[in-house]
Amino acid sequence: MFKLGVWEDLRSNKEHAHLVSTLESISLASRADSTAKSYLNAFNRQAEFAKGCGFQVFPANLSHVSIYLTSLIEGAIHSQKTKQCVESARYSIQWMHTLAGLPSPTQHPFIKNIVESSRRLLGKPPIKKEPVTASILCSLVELLKHSGSLKDIRDLCLCLLAFAGFFKYSDLIGIRGSDIVFNDTHVCITIRSNTNDQYKKGNKVHIAKTSNPTCPVAKLIQYFQAAEIQ
């Protein structure tokens, strides 16, 4: 993976070559898989730019990085992209140098100034989405209360569970039948892992039964019965 820095010294020890290979994989695991993949892709784009310009790819040169970030900002302005492309490039370069045990040019005040400029030039006001309210859920329940469609029952169940349990969609689609335990007064749902659970410890969420039409537990039971889920 790296040709310079501490990795060069490690690779020189042929006796422990297999451990060095494993160490590279472990080092990449310091970030979530999606983050590591994003950083690698961003760094590869920087490497292609450097090769095309005849620049040194690694370790990155301060002036070369500043030119690359400037090209990203210029491209983002014309294509109306966000500042995320510049941020991603900066963090990918920094991460790669850190893994190689080398100082990163992204820590230089000049680069930090360029990144700050990109935030001002490419920044866009946030567009806040309207929150889902209890009244919206009541209207949805009323609209679908006579529907016998399994799809309608499922979708309504997902909406009620998401609202009551503060679930993300990624949490909901990962729930299996074995993760759900029904009790007299509530249901216990095990979330095996999510984006905020970096160490894969899992979490249990308890949702109480209510007498309201929007009771998520009652709708979950209805869905289990309609879908014949054990």
C-alpha atoms as a PDB file:
ATOM      1  CA  MET A   1       0.000   0.000   0.000  1.00  0.00           C
ATOM      2  CA  PHE A   2       2.743   2.467   0.936  1.00  0.00           C
ATOM      3  CA  LYS A   3       6.220   2.831  -0.489  1.00  0.00           C
ATOM      4  CA  LEU A   4       7.550   5.333   2.039  1.00  0.00           C
ATOM      5  CA  GLY A   5       7.615   5.903   5.762  1.00  0.00           C
ATOM      6  CA  VAL A   6       7.323   3.304   8.487  1.00  0.00           C
ATOM      7  CA  TRP A   7       5.948   0.677   6.050  1.00  0.00           C
ATOM      8  CA  GLU A   8       9.268   0.543   4.200  1.00  0.00           C
ATOM      9  CA  ASP A   9      11.037  -0.476   7.403  1.00  0.00           C
ATOM     10  CA  LEU A  10       8.380  -3.053   8.231  1.00  0.00           C
ATOM     11  CA  ARG A  11       8.519  -4.675   4.807  1.00  0.00           C
ATOM     12  CA  SER A  12      12.277  -5.064   5.067  1.00  0.00           C
ATOM     13  CA  ASN A  13      11.688  -7.683   7.771  1.00  0.00           C
ATOM     14  CA  LYS A  14      10.983 -10.775   5.641  1.00  0.00           C
ATOM     15  CA  GLU A  15      10.567 -12.968   8.716  1.00  0.00           C
ATOM     16  CA  HIS A  16       7.271 -11.309   9.632  1.00  0.00           C
ATOM     17  CA  ALA A  17       5.980 -10.517   6.128  1.00  0.00           C
ATOM     18  CA  HIS A  18       2.586 -12.120   6.777  1.00  0.00           C
ATOM     19  CA  LEU A  19       2.107  -9.990   9.891  1.00  0.00           C
ATOM     20  CA  VAL A  20       2.911  -6.829   7.943  1.00  0.00           C
ATOM     21  CA  SER A  21       0.229  -7.740   5.415  1.00  0.00           C
ATOM     22  CA  THR A  22      -2.259  -8.268   8.231  1.00  0.00           C
ATOM     23  CA  LEU A  23      -1.167  -4.993   9.825  1.00  0.00           C
ATOM     24  CA  GLU A  24      -2.120  -3.089   6.687  1.00  0.00           C
ATOM     25  CA  SER A  25      -5.667  -4.468   6.879  1.00  0.00           C
ATOM     26  CA  ILE A  26      -5.875  -3.655  10.589  1.00  0.00           C
ATOM     27  CA  SER A  27      -4.718  -0.090   9.934  1.00  0.00           C
ATOM     28  CA  LEU A  28      -7.510   0.388   7.395  1.00  0.00           C
ATOM     29  CA  ALA A  29      -9.988  -0.828  10.026  1.00  0.00           C
ATOM     30  CA  SER A  30      -9.314   2.323  12.082  1.00  0.00           C
ATOM     31  CA  ARG A  31     -12.155   3.830  10.067  1.00  0.00           C
ATOM     32  CA  ALA A  32     -15.547   2.424   9.133  1.00  0.00           C
ATOM     33  CA  ASP A  33     -15.529   0.393   5.910  1.00  0.00           C
ATOM     34  CA  SER A  34     -17.533   3.034   4.063  1.00  0.00           C
ATOM     35  CA  THR A  35     -15.217   5.811   5.289  1.00  0.00           C
ATOM     36  CA  ALA A  36     -12.054   3.888   4.377  1.00  0.00           C
ATOM     37  CA  LYS A  37     -13.450   3.151   0.916  1.00  0.00           C
ATOM     38  CA  SER A  38     -14.385   6.810   0.437  1.00  0.00           C
ATOM     39  CA  TYR A  39     -10.902   7.970   1.484  1.00  0.00           C
ATOM     40  CA  LEU A  40      -9.204   5.441  -0.801  1.00  0.00           C
ATOM     41  CA  ASN A  41     -11.313   6.530  -3.783  1.00  0.00           C
ATOM     42  CA  ALA A  42     -10.629  10.200  -3.057  1.00  0.00           C
ATOM     43  CA  PHE A  43      -6.892   9.558  -2.737  1.00  0.00           C
ATOM     44  CA  ASN A  44      -6.854   7.606  -6.012  1.00  0.00           C
ATOM     45  CA  ARG A  45      -8.445  10.594  -7.761  1.00  0.00           C
ATOM     46  CA  GLN A  46      -5.715  12.820  -6.344  1.00  0.00           C
ATOM     47  CA  ALA A  47      -3.079  10.317  -7.495  1.00  0.00           C
ATOM     48  CA  GLU A  48      -4.488  10.330 -11.049  1.00  0.00           C
ATOM     49  CA  PHE A  49      -4.425  14.132 -11.093  1.00  0.00           C
ATOM     50  CA  ALA A  50      -0.822  14.157  -9.862  1.00  0.00           C
ATOM     51  CA  LYS A  51       0.288  11.648 -12.513  1.00  0.00           C
ATOM     52  CA  GLY A  52      -1.452  13.625 -15.235  1.00  0.00           C
ATOM     53  CA  CYS A  53       0.407  16.784 -14.181  1.00  0.00           C
ATOM     54  CA  GLY A  54       3.726  15.024 -13.698  1.00  0.00           C
ATOM     55  CA  PHE A  55       3.612  15.606  -9.930  1.00  0.00           C
ATOM     56  CA  GLN A  56       4.939  13.329  -7.237  1.00  0.00           C
ATOM     57  CA  VAL A  57       2.069  11.139  -6.014  1.00  0.00           C
ATOM     58  CA  PHE A  58       3.295  10.158  -2.559  1.00  0.00           C
ATOM     59  CA  PRO A  59       4.231  11.707  -0.260  1.00  0.00           C
ATOM     60  CA  ALA A  60       2.200  14.630  -1.526  1.00  0.00           C
ATOM     61  CA  ASN A  61       3.883  17.973  -2.082  1.00  0.00           C
ATOM     62  CA  LEU A  62       2.411  21.120  -0.488  1.00  0.00           C
ATOM     63  CA  SER A  63       2.231  23.113  -3.718  1.00  0.00           C
ATOM     64  CA  HIS A  64       0.854  20.129  -5.650  1.00  0.00           C
ATOM     65  CA  VAL A  65      -1.921  19.567  -3.093  1.00  0.00           C
ATOM     66  CA  SER A  66      -2.849  23.249  -3.183  1.00  0.00           C
ATOM     67  CA  ILE A  67      -3.150  23.110  -6.998  1.00  0.00           C
ATOM     68  CA  TYR A  68      -5.263  19.949  -6.795  1.00  0.00           C
ATOM     69  CA  LEU A  69      -7.646  21.454  -4.229  1.00  0.00           C
ATOM     70  CA  THR A  70      -7.907  24.606  -6.356  1.00  0.00           C
ATOM     71  CA  SER A  71      -8.888  22.478  -9.359  1.00  0.00           C
ATOM     72  CA  LEU A  72     -11.593  20.811  -7.263  1.00  0.00           C
ATOM     73  CA  ILE A  73     -12.955  24.172  -6.128  1.00  0.00           C
ATOM     74  CA  GLU A  74     -12.975  25.505  -9.683  1.00  0.00           C
ATOM     75  CA  GLY A  75     -14.742  22.388 -10.959  1.00  0.00           C
ATOM     76  CA  ALA A  76     -17.275  22.497  -8.124  1.00  0.00           C
ATOM     77  CA  ILE A  77     -18.125  26.140  -8.859  1.00  0.00           C
ATOM     78  CA  HIS A  78     -18.868  25.378 -12.516  1.00  0.00           C
ATOM     79  CA  SER A  79     -20.818  22.194 -11.780  1.00  0.00           C
ATOM     80  CA  GLN A  80     -22.565  23.653  -8.693  1.00  0.00           C
ATOM     81  CA  LYS A  81     -21.278  20.901  -6.433  1.00  0.00           C
ATOM     82  CA  THR A  82     -20.855  21.199  -2.672  1.00  0.00           C
ATOM     83  CA  LYS A  83     -17.702  21.669  -0.640  1.00  0.00           C
ATOM     84  CA  GLN A  84     -17.732  17.959   0.224  1.00  0.00           C
ATOM     85  CA  CYS A  85     -15.359  17.084  -2.630  1.00  0.00           C
ATOM     86  CA  VAL A  86     -12.678  19.370  -1.174  1.00  0.00           C
ATOM     87  CA  GLU A  87     -13.196  18.112   2.382  1.00  0.00           C
ATOM     88  CA  SER A  88     -13.017  14.502   1.216  1.00  0.00           C
ATOM     89  CA  ALA A  89      -9.791  15.136  -0.691  1.00  0.00           C
ATOM     90  CA  ARG A  90      -8.207  16.856   2.276  1.00  0.00           C
ATOM     91  CA  TYR A  91      -9.074  14.101   4.762  1.00  0.00           C
ATOM     92  CA  SER A  92      -8.043  11.320   2.375  1.00  0.00           C
ATOM     93  CA  ILE A  93      -4.597  12.839   1.861  1.00  0.00           C
ATOM     94  CA  GLN A  94      -4.195  13.405   5.581  1.00  0.00           C
ATOM     95  CA  TRP A  95      -5.292   9.852   6.411  1.00  0.00           C
ATOM     96  CA  MET A  96      -2.922   8.245   3.921  1.00  0.00           C
ATOM     97  CA  HIS A  97       0.064  10.164   5.255  1.00  0.00           C
ATOM     98  CA  THR A  98      -0.902   9.320   8.836  1.00  0.00           C
ATOM     99  CA  LEU A  99      -1.078   5.603   8.011  1.00  0.00           C
ATOM    100  CA  ALA A 100       2.347   5.812   6.401  1.00  0.00           C
ATOM    101  CA  GLY A 101       3.797   7.602   9.432  1.00  0.00           C
ATOM    102  CA  LEU A 102       4.506  10.751   7.439  1.00  0.00           C
ATOM    103  CA  PRO A 103       3.655  14.422   8.030  1.00  0.00           C
ATOM    104  CA  SER A 104       0.726  15.546   5.910  1.00  0.00           C
ATOM    105  CA  PRO A 105       0.795  18.756   3.864  1.00  0.00           C
ATOM    106  CA  THR A 106      -2.892  19.210   4.744  1.00  0.00           C
ATOM    107  CA  GLN A 107      -1.798  20.387   8.191  1.00  0.00           C
ATOM    108  CA  HIS A 108      -0.048  23.406   6.688  1.00  0.00           C
ATOM    109  CA  PRO A 109      -1.823  26.747   7.291  1.00  0.00           C
ATOM    110  CA  PHE A 110      -1.838  27.417   3.541  1.00  0.00           C
ATOM    111  CA  ILE A 111      -3.895  24.273   2.850  1.00  0.00           C
ATOM    112  CA  LYS A 112      -6.187  24.979   5.786  1.00  0.00           C
ATOM    113  CA  ASN A 113      -6.811  28.434   4.314  1.00  0.00           C
ATOM    114  CA  ILE A 114      -7.763  26.910   0.949  1.00  0.00           C
ATOM    115  CA  VAL A 115     -10.190  24.501   2.622  1.00  0.00           C
ATOM    116  CA  GLU A 116     -11.748  27.350   4.595  1.00  0.00           C
ATOM    117  CA  SER A 117     -12.121  29.336   1.375  1.00  0.00           C
ATOM    118  CA  SER A 118     -13.912  26.387  -0.248  1.00  0.00           C
ATOM    119  CA  ARG A 119     -16.457  26.393   2.567  1.00  0.00           C
ATOM    120  CA  ARG A 120     -17.264  30.032   1.859  1.00  0.00           C
ATOM    121  CA  LEU A 121     -17.238  29.742  -1.919  1.00  0.00           C
ATOM    122  CA  LEU A 122     -19.175  26.472  -2.157  1.00  0.00           C
ATOM    123  CA  GLY A 123     -21.296  26.699   0.973  1.00  0.00           C
ATOM    124  CA  LYS A 124     -25.047  26.495   0.522  1.00  0.00           C
ATOM    125  CA  PRO A 125     -27.743  27.292   3.055  1.00  0.00           C
ATOM    126  CA  PRO A 126     -29.179  24.110   4.601  1.00  0.00           C
ATOM    127  CA  ILE A 127     -32.658  23.097   3.510  1.00  0.00           C
ATOM    128  CA  LYS A 128     -34.404  21.721   6.547  1.00  0.00           C
ATOM    129  CA  LYS A 129     -37.041  19.064   6.064  1.00  0.00           C
ATOM    130  CA  GLU A 130     -40.332  19.321   7.847  1.00  0.00           C
ATOM    131  CA  PRO A 131     -40.466  16.906  10.800  1.00  0.00           C
ATOM    132  CA  VAL A 132     -43.013  14.099  10.973  1.00  0.00           C
ATOM    133  CA  THR A 133     -45.594  14.870  13.658  1.00  0.00           C
ATOM    134  CA  ALA A 134     -48.065  12.763  15.610  1.00  0.00           C
ATOM    135  CA  SER A 135     -50.920  14.324  13.664  1.00  0.00           C
ATOM    136  CA  ILE A 136     -49.371  13.199  10.381  1.00  0.00           C
ATOM    137  CA  LEU A 137     -49.150   9.639  11.689  1.00  0.00           C
ATOM    138  CA  CYS A 138     -52.781   9.799  12.863  1.00  0.00           C
ATOM    139  CA  SER A 139     -53.830  10.871   9.367  1.00  0.00           C
ATOM    140  CA  LEU A 140     -51.812   8.058   7.852  1.00  0.00           C
ATOM    141  CA  VAL A 141     -53.374   5.476  10.169  1.00  0.00           C
ATOM    142  CA  GLU A 142     -56.846   6.797   9.357  1.00  0.00           C
ATOM    143  CA  LEU A 143     -56.107   6.649   5.638  1.00  0.00           C
ATOM    144  CA  LEU A 144     -54.954   3.009   5.723  1.00  0.00           C
ATOM    145  CA  LYS A 145     -57.046   1.593   8.560  1.00  0.00           C
ATOM    146  CA  HIS A 146     -59.259  -0.469   6.218  1.00  0.00           C
ATOM    147  CA  SER A 147     -56.444  -1.576   3.913  1.00  0.00           C
ATOM    148  CA  GLY A 148     -55.717  -5.290   3.898  1.00  0.00           C
ATOM    149  CA  SER A 149     -52.610  -4.898   1.738  1.00  0.00           C
ATOM    150  CA  LEU A 150     -49.555  -6.446   3.347  1.00  0.00           C
ATOM    151  CA  LYS A 151     -47.450  -3.677   1.816  1.00  0.00           C
ATOM    152  CA  ASP A 152     -49.607  -0.962   3.406  1.00  0.00           C
ATOM    153  CA  ILE A 153     -49.478  -2.703   6.791  1.00  0.00           C
ATOM    154  CA  ARG A 154     -45.710  -3.054   6.541  1.00  0.00           C
ATOM    155  CA  ASP A 155     -45.086   0.547   5.501  1.00  0.00           C
ATOM    156  CA  LEU A 156     -47.352   1.900   8.226  1.00  0.00           C
ATOM    157  CA  CYS A 157     -45.630  -0.348  10.772  1.00  0.00           C
ATOM    158  CA  LEU A 158     -42.220   0.993   9.705  1.00  0.00           C
ATOM    159  CA  CYS A 159     -43.416   4.598  10.050  1.00  0.00           C
ATOM    160  CA  LEU A 160     -44.831   4.048  13.535  1.00  0.00           C
ATOM    161  CA  LEU A 161     -41.761   2.136  14.737  1.00  0.00           C
ATOM    162  CA  ALA A 162     -39.373   4.744  13.330  1.00  0.00           C
ATOM    163  CA  PHE A 163     -41.269   7.527  15.100  1.00  0.00           C
ATOM    164  CA  ALA A 164     -41.566   5.721  18.458  1.00  0.00           C
ATOM    165  CA  GLY A 165     -38.070   4.226  18.538  1.00  0.00           C
ATOM    166  CA  PHE A 166     -36.119   7.074  16.872  1.00  0.00           C
ATOM    167  CA  PHE A 167     -34.943   4.574  14.262  1.00  0.00           C
ATOM    168  CA  LYS A 168     -33.132   5.369  11.058  1.00  0.00           C
ATOM    169  CA  TYR A 169     -34.182   3.538   7.930  1.00  0.00           C
ATOM    170  CA  SER A 170     -30.900   1.589   8.016  1.00  0.00           C
ATOM    171  CA  ASP A 171     -31.838   0.409  11.524  1.00  0.00           C
ATOM    172  CA  LEU A 172     -35.280  -0.750  10.440  1.00  0.00           C
ATOM    173  CA  ILE A 173     -34.246  -2.784   7.406  1.00  0.00           C
ATOM    174  CA  GLY A 174     -31.700  -4.676   9.530  1.00  0.00           C
ATOM    175  CA  ILE A 175     -34.282  -5.926  12.048  1.00  0.00           C
ATOM    176  CA  ARG A 176     -35.071  -9.637  11.851  1.00  0.00           C
ATOM    177  CA  GLY A 177     -37.882 -11.598  13.436  1.00  0.00           C
ATOM    178  CA  SER A 178     -35.481 -13.063  15.990  1.00  0.00           C
ATOM    179  CA  ASP A 179     -34.556  -9.531  17.090  1.00  0.00           C
ATOM    180  CA  ILE A 180     -38.092  -8.835  18.338  1.00  0.00           C
ATOM    181  CA  VAL A 181     -39.475  -9.964  21.700  1.00  0.00           C
ATOM    182  CA  PHE A 182     -43.092  -9.207  22.601  1.00  0.00           C
ATOM    183  CA  ASN A 183     -43.972  -8.605  26.252  1.00  0.00           C
ATOM    184  CA  ASP A 184     -47.239  -7.816  28.014  1.00  0.00           C
ATOM    185  CA  THR A 185     -46.582  -4.082  28.204  1.00  0.00           C
ATOM    186  CA  HIS A 186     -43.991  -3.460  25.500  1.00  0.00           C
ATOM    187  CA  VAL A 187     -41.882  -4.867  22.726  1.00  0.00           C
ATOM    188  CA  CYS A 188     -38.090  -5.174  22.883  1.00  0.00           C
ATOM    189  CA  ILE A 189     -36.193  -4.735  19.607  1.00  0.00           C
ATOM    190  CA  THR A 190     -32.493  -5.525  19.304  1.00  0.00           C
ATOM    191  CA  ILE A 191     -30.528  -3.305  16.925  1.00  0.00           C
ATOM    192  CA  ARG A 192     -27.415  -5.344  16.182  1.00  0.00           C
ATOM    193  CA  SER A 193     -25.375  -2.443  14.821  1.00  0.00           C
ATOM    194  CA  ASN A 194     -25.767   0.995  13.266  1.00  0.00           C
ATOM    195  CA  THR A 195     -23.635   3.889  12.082  1.00  0.00           C
ATOM    196  CA  ASN A 196     -23.274   5.225  15.625  1.00  0.00           C
ATOM    197  CA  ASP A 197     -22.289   1.832  17.025  1.00  0.00           C
ATOM    198  CA  GLN A 198     -18.617   1.811  16.052  1.00  0.00           C
ATOM    199  CA  TYR A 199     -17.710  -1.199  18.204  1.00  0.00           C
ATOM    200  CA  LYS A 200     -20.695  -3.374  17.158  1.00  0.00           C
ATOM    201  CA  LYS A 201     -22.045  -3.725  20.700  1.00  0.00           C
ATOM    202  CA  GLY A 202     -25.672  -3.587  19.605  1.00  0.00           C
ATOM    203  CA  ASN A 203     -28.512  -1.931  21.446  1.00  0.00           C
ATOM    204  CA  LYS A 204     -31.966  -2.820  22.779  1.00  0.00           C
ATOM    205  CA  VAL A 205     -34.904  -0.476  22.280  1.00  0.00           C
ATOM    206  CA  HIS A 206     -38.093  -0.846  24.357  1.00  0.00           C
ATOM    207  CA  ILE A 207     -41.347   0.499  22.894  1.00  0.00           C
ATOM    208  CA  ALA A 208     -44.427   0.591  25.125  1.00  0.00           C
ATOM    209  CA  LYS A 209     -47.905  -0.501  24.136  1.00  0.00           C
ATOM    210  CA  THR A 210     -50.547   2.207  24.017  1.00  0.00           C
ATOM    211  CA  SER A 211     -54.289   2.310  23.520  1.00  0.00           C
ATOM    212  CA  ASN A 212     -53.979   4.799  20.670  1.00  0.00           C
ATOM    213  CA  PRO A 213     -54.654   3.928  17.018  1.00  0.00           C
ATOM    214  CA  THR A 214     -51.013   4.809  16.353  1.00  0.00           C
ATOM    215  CA  CYS A 215     -49.671   2.127  18.707  1.00  0.00           C
ATOM    216  CA  PRO A 216     -46.569   0.735  16.986  1.00  0.00           C
ATOM    217  CA  VAL A 217     -46.695  -2.521  18.956  1.00  0.00           C
ATOM    218  CA  ALA A 218     -50.260  -3.287  17.839  1.00  0.00           C
ATOM    219  CA  LYS A 219     -49.339  -2.545  14.233  1.00  0.00           C
ATOM    220  CA  LEU A 220     -46.237  -4.742  14.510  1.00  0.00           C
ATOM    221  CA  ILE A 221     -48.354  -7.628  15.815  1.00  0.00           C
ATOM    222  CA  GLN A 222     -50.794  -7.098  12.951  1.00  0.00           C
ATOM    223  CA  TYR A 223     -47.953  -7.221  10.465  1.00  0.00           C
ATOM    224  CA  PHE A 224     -46.520 -10.425  11.990  1.00  0.00           C
ATOM    225  CA  GLN A 225     -49.928 -12.063  11.745  1.00  0.00           C
ATOM    226  CA  ALA A 226     -50.625 -10.863   8.200  1.00  0.00           C
ATOM    227  CA  ALA A 227     -47.185 -11.938   6.972  1.00  0.00           C
ATOM    228  CA  GLU A 228     -47.300 -15.184   9.005  1.00  0.00           C
ATOM    229  CA  ILE A 229     -43.946 -14.427  10.613  1.00  0.00           C
ATOM    230  CA  GLN A 230     -42.998 -16.661  13.541  1.00  0.00           C
END
